[in-house]
PDB file of N, CA and C in Angstrom:
ATOM      1  N   MET A   1     -61.336 -51.835 101.847  1.00  0.00           N
ATOM      2  CA  MET A   1     -60.056 -51.777 102.521  1.00  0.00           C
ATOM      3  C   MET A   1     -59.020 -52.635 101.796  1.00  0.00           C
ATOM      4  N   LYS A   2     -59.479 -53.805 101.335  1.00  0.00           N
ATOM      5  CA  LYS A   2     -58.588 -54.701 100.636  1.00  0.00           C
ATOM      6  C   LYS A   2     -58.092 -54.064  99.332  1.00  0.00           C
ATOM      7  N   ARG A   3     -58.979 -53.363  98.669  1.00  0.00           N
ATOM      8  CA  ARG A   3     -58.653 -52.717  97.393  1.00  0.00           C
ATOM      9  C   ARG A   3     -57.563 -51.668  97.587  1.00  0.00           C
ATOM     10  N   ARG A   4     -57.624 -50.936  98.688  1.00  0.00           N
ATOM     11  CA  ARG A   4     -56.635 -49.898  98.980  1.00  0.00           C
ATOM     12  C   ARG A   4     -55.250 -50.511  99.193  1.00  0.00           C
ATOM     13  N   GLY A   5     -55.181 -51.658  99.840  1.00  0.00           N
ATOM     14  CA  GLY A   5     -53.909 -52.352 100.057  1.00  0.00           C
ATOM     15  C   GLY A   5     -53.282 -52.802  98.754  1.00  0.00           C
ATOM     16  N   VAL A   6     -54.112 -53.301  97.848  1.00  0.00           N
ATOM     17  CA  VAL A   6     -53.621 -53.729  96.538  1.00  0.00           C
ATOM     18  C   VAL A   6     -53.087 -52.523  95.760  1.00  0.00           C
ATOM     19  N   GLN A   7     -53.785 -51.421  95.854  1.00  0.00           N
ATOM     20  CA  GLN A   7     -53.342 -50.209  95.156  1.00  0.00           C
ATOM     21  C   GLN A   7     -51.994 -49.735  95.692  1.00  0.00           C
ATOM     22  N   ILE A   8     -51.791 -49.791  96.989  1.00  0.00           N
ATOM     23  CA  ILE A   8     -50.516 -49.388  97.590  1.00  0.00           C
ATOM     24  C   ILE A   8     -49.392 -50.301  97.099  1.00  0.00           C
ATOM     25  N   ILE A   9     -49.656 -51.611  97.052  1.00  0.00           N
ATOM     26  CA  ILE A   9     -48.648 -52.566  96.571  1.00  0.00           C
ATOM     27  C   ILE A   9     -48.321 -52.292  95.106  1.00  0.00           C
ATOM     28  N   GLU A  10     -49.331 -52.036  94.284  1.00  0.00           N
ATOM     29  CA  GLU A  10     -49.104 -51.738  92.871  1.00  0.00           C
ATOM     30  C   GLU A  10     -48.259 -50.476  92.698  1.00  0.00           C
ATOM     31  N   GLU A  11     -48.554 -49.447  93.456  1.00  0.00           N
ATOM     32  CA  GLU A  11     -47.787 -48.204  93.353  1.00  0.00           C
ATOM     33  C   GLU A  11     -46.349 -48.404  93.824  1.00  0.00           C
ATOM     34  N   ALA A  12     -46.156 -49.196  94.856  1.00  0.00           N
ATOM     35  CA  ALA A  12     -44.798 -49.485  95.331  1.00  0.00           C
ATOM     36  C   ALA A  12     -44.014 -50.247  94.268  1.00  0.00           C
ATOM     37  N   LEU A  13     -44.663 -51.191  93.606  1.00  0.00           N
ATOM     38  CA  LEU A  13     -43.995 -51.942  92.537  1.00  0.00           C
ATOM     39  C   LEU A  13     -43.664 -51.045  91.348  1.00  0.00           C
ATOM     40  N   LEU A  14     -44.557 -50.122  91.031  1.00  0.00           N
ATOM     41  CA  LEU A  14     -44.272 -49.187  89.933  1.00  0.00           C
ATOM     42  C   LEU A  14     -43.074 -48.300  90.254  1.00  0.00           C
ATOM     43  N   ILE A  15     -42.990 -47.843  91.494  1.00  0.00           N
ATOM     44  CA  ILE A  15     -41.845 -47.026  91.916  1.00  0.00           C
ATOM     45  C   ILE A  15     -40.563 -47.853  91.832  1.00  0.00           C
ATOM     46  N   LEU A  16     -40.620 -49.110  92.263  1.00  0.00           N
ATOM     47  CA  LEU A  16     -39.454 -49.989  92.207  1.00  0.00           C
ATOM     48  C   LEU A  16     -39.007 -50.214  90.761  1.00  0.00           C
ATOM     49  N   VAL A  17     -39.951 -50.450  89.869  1.00  0.00           N
ATOM     50  CA  VAL A  17     -39.620 -50.642  88.455  1.00  0.00           C
ATOM     51  C   VAL A  17     -39.016 -49.363  87.869  1.00  0.00           C
ATOM     52  N   ALA A  18     -39.545 -48.222  88.250  1.00  0.00           N
ATOM     53  CA  ALA A  18     -39.003 -46.948  87.760  1.00  0.00           C
ATOM     54  C   ALA A  18     -37.571 -46.746  88.249  1.00  0.00           C
ATOM     55  N   LEU A  19     -37.293 -47.081  89.493  1.00  0.00           N
ATOM     56  CA  LEU A  19     -35.932 -46.957  90.022  1.00  0.00           C
ATOM     57  C   LEU A  19     -34.968 -47.903  89.323  1.00  0.00           C
ATOM     58  N   ILE A  20     -35.415 -49.110  89.028  1.00  0.00           N
ATOM     59  CA  ILE A  20     -34.578 -50.061  88.297  1.00  0.00           C
ATOM     60  C   ILE A  20     -34.294 -49.541  86.886  1.00  0.00           C
ATOM     61  N   ALA A  21     -35.299 -48.961  86.242  1.00  0.00           N
ATOM     62  CA  ALA A  21     -35.112 -48.398  84.903  1.00  0.00           C
ATOM     63  C   ALA A  21     -34.114 -47.244  84.929  1.00  0.00           C
ATOM     64  N   ILE A  22     -34.200 -46.403  85.941  1.00  0.00           N
ATOM     65  CA  ILE A  22     -33.248 -45.286  86.071  1.00  0.00           C
ATOM     66  C   ILE A  22     -31.830 -45.827  86.263  1.00  0.00           C
ATOM     67  N   ALA A  23     -31.675 -46.849  87.093  1.00  0.00           N
ATOM     68  CA  ALA A  23     -30.355 -47.439  87.334  1.00  0.00           C
ATOM     69  C   ALA A  23     -29.787 -48.044  86.051  1.00  0.00           C
ATOM     70  N   LEU A  24     -30.617 -48.738  85.286  1.00  0.00           N
ATOM     71  CA  LEU A  24     -30.157 -49.325  84.019  1.00  0.00           C
ATOM     72  C   LEU A  24     -29.760 -48.241  83.026  1.00  0.00           C
ATOM     73  N   THR A  25     -30.540 -47.179  82.957  1.00  0.00           N
ATOM     74  CA  THR A  25     -30.233 -46.075  82.049  1.00  0.00           C
ATOM     75  C   THR A  25     -28.910 -45.423  82.422  1.00  0.00           C
ATOM     76  N   MET A  26     -28.671 -45.241  83.702  1.00  0.00           N
ATOM     77  CA  MET A  26     -27.410 -44.645  84.134  1.00  0.00           C
ATOM     78  C   MET A  26     -26.237 -45.563  83.806  1.00  0.00           C
ATOM     79  N   GLY A  27     -26.430 -46.864  83.947  1.00  0.00           N
ATOM     80  CA  GLY A  27     -25.379 -47.818  83.601  1.00  0.00           C
ATOM     81  C   GLY A  27     -25.045 -47.788  82.127  1.00  0.00           C
ATOM     82  N   VAL A  28     -26.064 -47.720  81.293  1.00  0.00           N
ATOM     83  CA  VAL A  28     -25.852 -47.646  79.844  1.00  0.00           C
ATOM     84  C   VAL A  28     -25.171 -46.334  79.476  1.00  0.00           C
ATOM     85  N   ALA A  29     -25.597 -45.241  80.097  1.00  0.00           N
ATOM     86  CA  ALA A  29     -24.986 -43.936  79.810  1.00  0.00           C
ATOM     87  C   ALA A  29     -23.513 -43.926  80.194  1.00  0.00           C
ATOM     88  N   THR A  30     -23.185 -44.563  81.305  1.00  0.00           N
ATOM     89  CA  THR A  30     -21.780 -44.645  81.726  1.00  0.00           C
ATOM     90  C   THR A  30     -20.969 -45.441  80.714  1.00  0.00           C
ATOM     91  N   GLY A  31     -21.519 -46.535  80.229  1.00  0.00           N
ATOM     92  CA  GLY A  31     -20.836 -47.339  79.216  1.00  0.00           C
ATOM     93  C   GLY A  31     -20.617 -46.572  77.931  1.00  0.00           C
ATOM     94  N   VAL A  32     -21.615 -45.833  77.502  1.00  0.00           N
ATOM     95  CA  VAL A  32     -21.500 -45.023  76.280  1.00  0.00           C
ATOM     96  C   VAL A  32     -20.451 -43.941  76.469  1.00  0.00           C
ATOM     97  N   GLN A  33     -20.453 -43.312  77.634  1.00  0.00           N
ATOM     98  CA  GLN A  33     -19.478 -42.255  77.909  1.00  0.00           C
ATOM     99  C   GLN A  33     -18.055 -42.814  77.876  1.00  0.00           C
ATOM    100  N   GLU A  34     -17.858 -44.012  78.413  1.00  0.00           N
ATOM    101  CA  GLU A  34     -16.534 -44.629  78.379  1.00  0.00           C
ATOM    102  C   GLU A  34     -16.091 -44.888  76.942  1.00  0.00           C
ATOM    103  N   LYS A  35     -16.996 -45.364  76.106  1.00  0.00           N
ATOM    104  CA  LYS A  35     -16.659 -45.619  74.701  1.00  0.00           C
ATOM    105  C   LYS A  35     -16.314 -44.328  73.975  1.00  0.00           C
ATOM    106  N   VAL A  36     -17.084 -43.271  74.223  1.00  0.00           N
ATOM    107  CA  VAL A  36     -16.811 -41.978  73.585  1.00  0.00           C
ATOM    108  C   VAL A  36     -15.451 -41.451  74.027  1.00  0.00           C
ATOM    109  N   ASN A  37     -15.143 -41.566  75.307  1.00  0.00           N
ATOM    110  CA  ASN A  37     -13.838 -41.128  75.798  1.00  0.00           C
ATOM    111  C   ASN A  37     -12.713 -41.933  75.162  1.00  0.00           C
ATOM    112  N   GLU A  38     -12.937 -43.219  74.971  1.00  0.00           N
ATOM    113  CA  GLU A  38     -11.937 -44.084  74.338  1.00  0.00           C
ATOM    114  C   GLU A  38     -11.701 -43.647  72.886  1.00  0.00           C
ATOM    115  N   ILE A  39     -12.772 -43.350  72.170  1.00  0.00           N
ATOM    116  CA  ILE A  39     -12.657 -42.905  70.775  1.00  0.00           C
ATOM    117  C   ILE A  39     -11.935 -41.565  70.701  1.00  0.00           C
ATOM    118  N   ILE A  40     -12.290 -40.637  71.583  1.00  0.00           N
ATOM    119  CA  ILE A  40     -11.641 -39.324  71.602  1.00  0.00           C
ATOM    120  C   ILE A  40     -10.148 -39.482  71.895  1.00  0.00           C
ATOM    121  N   GLN A  41      -9.807 -40.375  72.810  1.00  0.00           N
ATOM    122  CA  GLN A  41      -8.400 -40.608  73.149  1.00  0.00           C
ATOM    123  C   GLN A  41      -7.636 -41.142  71.936  1.00  0.00           C
ATOM    124  N   LYS A  42      -8.233 -42.060  71.197  1.00  0.00           N
ATOM    125  CA  LYS A  42      -7.577 -42.617  70.008  1.00  0.00           C
ATOM    126  C   LYS A  42      -7.401 -41.559  68.931  1.00  0.00           C
ATOM    127  N   VAL A  43      -8.408 -40.712  68.736  1.00  0.00           N
ATOM    128  CA  VAL A  43      -8.300 -39.631  67.754  1.00  0.00           C
ATOM    129  C   VAL A  43      -7.192 -38.671  68.162  1.00  0.00           C
ATOM    130  N   TRP A  44      -7.137 -38.334  69.450  1.00  0.00           N
ATOM    131  CA  TRP A  44      -6.106 -37.424  69.947  1.00  0.00           C
ATOM    132  C   TRP A  44      -4.710 -38.016  69.733  1.00  0.00           C
ATOM    133  N   GLU A  45      -4.541 -39.304  70.022  1.00  0.00           N
ATOM    134  CA  GLU A  45      -3.252 -39.965  69.803  1.00  0.00           C
ATOM    135  C   GLU A  45      -2.876 -39.960  68.318  1.00  0.00           C
ATOM    136  N   SER A  46      -3.846 -40.167  67.450  1.00  0.00           N
ATOM    137  CA  SER A  46      -3.584 -40.144  66.008  1.00  0.00           C
ATOM    138  C   SER A  46      -3.153 -38.758  65.547  1.00  0.00           C
ATOM    139  N   LEU A  47      -3.837 -37.738  66.027  1.00  0.00           N
ATOM    140  CA  LEU A  47      -3.458 -36.364  65.669  1.00  0.00           C
ATOM    141  C   LEU A  47      -2.073 -36.018  66.211  1.00  0.00           C
ATOM    142  N   ASP A  48      -1.778 -36.478  67.400  1.00  0.00           N
ATOM    143  CA  ASP A  48      -0.465 -36.237  67.990  1.00  0.00           C
ATOM    144  C   ASP A  48       0.621 -36.916  67.154  1.00  0.00           C
ATOM    145  N   TRP A  49       0.377 -38.162  66.745  1.00  0.00           N
ATOM    146  CA  TRP A  49       1.338 -38.881  65.903  1.00  0.00           C
ATOM    147  C   TRP A  49       1.521 -38.152  64.574  1.00  0.00           C
ATOM    148  N   LEU A  50       0.427 -37.721  63.959  1.00  0.00           N
ATOM    149  CA  LEU A  50       0.505 -37.016  62.681  1.00  0.00           C
ATOM    150  C   LEU A  50       1.294 -35.719  62.822  1.00  0.00           C
ATOM    151  N   PHE A  51       1.061 -34.980  63.872  1.00  0.00           N
ATOM    152  CA  PHE A  51       1.786 -33.735  64.105  1.00  0.00           C
ATOM    153  C   PHE A  51       3.276 -33.999  64.289  1.00  0.00           C
ATOM    154  N   LYS A  52       3.606 -35.026  65.081  1.00  0.00           N
ATOM    155  CA  LYS A  52       5.015 -35.330  65.347  1.00  0.00           C
ATOM    156  C   LYS A  52       5.739 -35.817  64.103  1.00  0.00           C
ATOM    157  N   THR A  53       5.064 -36.567  63.240  1.00  0.00           N
ATOM    158  CA  THR A  53       5.726 -37.065  62.033  1.00  0.00           C
ATOM    159  C   THR A  53       5.796 -35.997  60.948  1.00  0.00           C
ATOM    160  N   THR A  54       4.825 -35.115  60.901  1.00  0.00           N
ATOM    161  CA  THR A  54       4.822 -34.059  59.871  1.00  0.00           C
ATOM    162  C   THR A  54       5.809 -32.963  60.225  1.00  0.00           C
ATOM    163  N   PHE A  55       5.819 -32.569  61.467  1.00  0.00           N
ATOM    164  CA  PHE A  55       6.678 -31.470  61.899  1.00  0.00           C
ATOM    165  C   PHE A  55       7.778 -32.009  62.828  1.00  0.00           C
ATOM    166  N   TYR A  56       8.482 -33.025  62.356  1.00  0.00           N
ATOM    167  CA  TYR A  56       9.517 -33.662  63.174  1.00  0.00           C
ATOM    168  C   TYR A  56      10.673 -32.713  63.474  1.00  0.00           C
ATOM    169  N   PHE A  57      10.865 -31.678  62.671  1.00  0.00           N
ATOM    170  CA  PHE A  57      11.984 -30.766  62.864  1.00  0.00           C
ATOM    171  C   PHE A  57      11.711 -29.733  63.949  1.00  0.00           C
ATOM    172  N   LEU A  58      10.474 -29.632  64.410  1.00  0.00           N
ATOM    173  CA  LEU A  58      10.165 -28.693  65.495  1.00  0.00           C
ATOM    174  C   LEU A  58      10.468 -29.341  66.842  1.00  0.00           C
ATOM    175  N   PRO A  59      10.909 -28.555  67.802  1.00  0.00           N
ATOM    176  CA  PRO A  59      11.220 -29.137  69.123  1.00  0.00           C
ATOM    177  C   PRO A  59       9.961 -29.577  69.862  1.00  0.00           C
TER     178      PRO A  59
END
């Protein structure tokens, strides 16, 4: 009976560790996504500046 209780505690701890790992992974993915969006925004601004300076005579 004692062995079964220990097994239940071990499985609960494994589930808790798995949930923490999922939360950390989601946090890292969100951070990476923010950086990618920031880079895309800078590239877009650069292309916009290049277009405006190259074709300044267009409305």
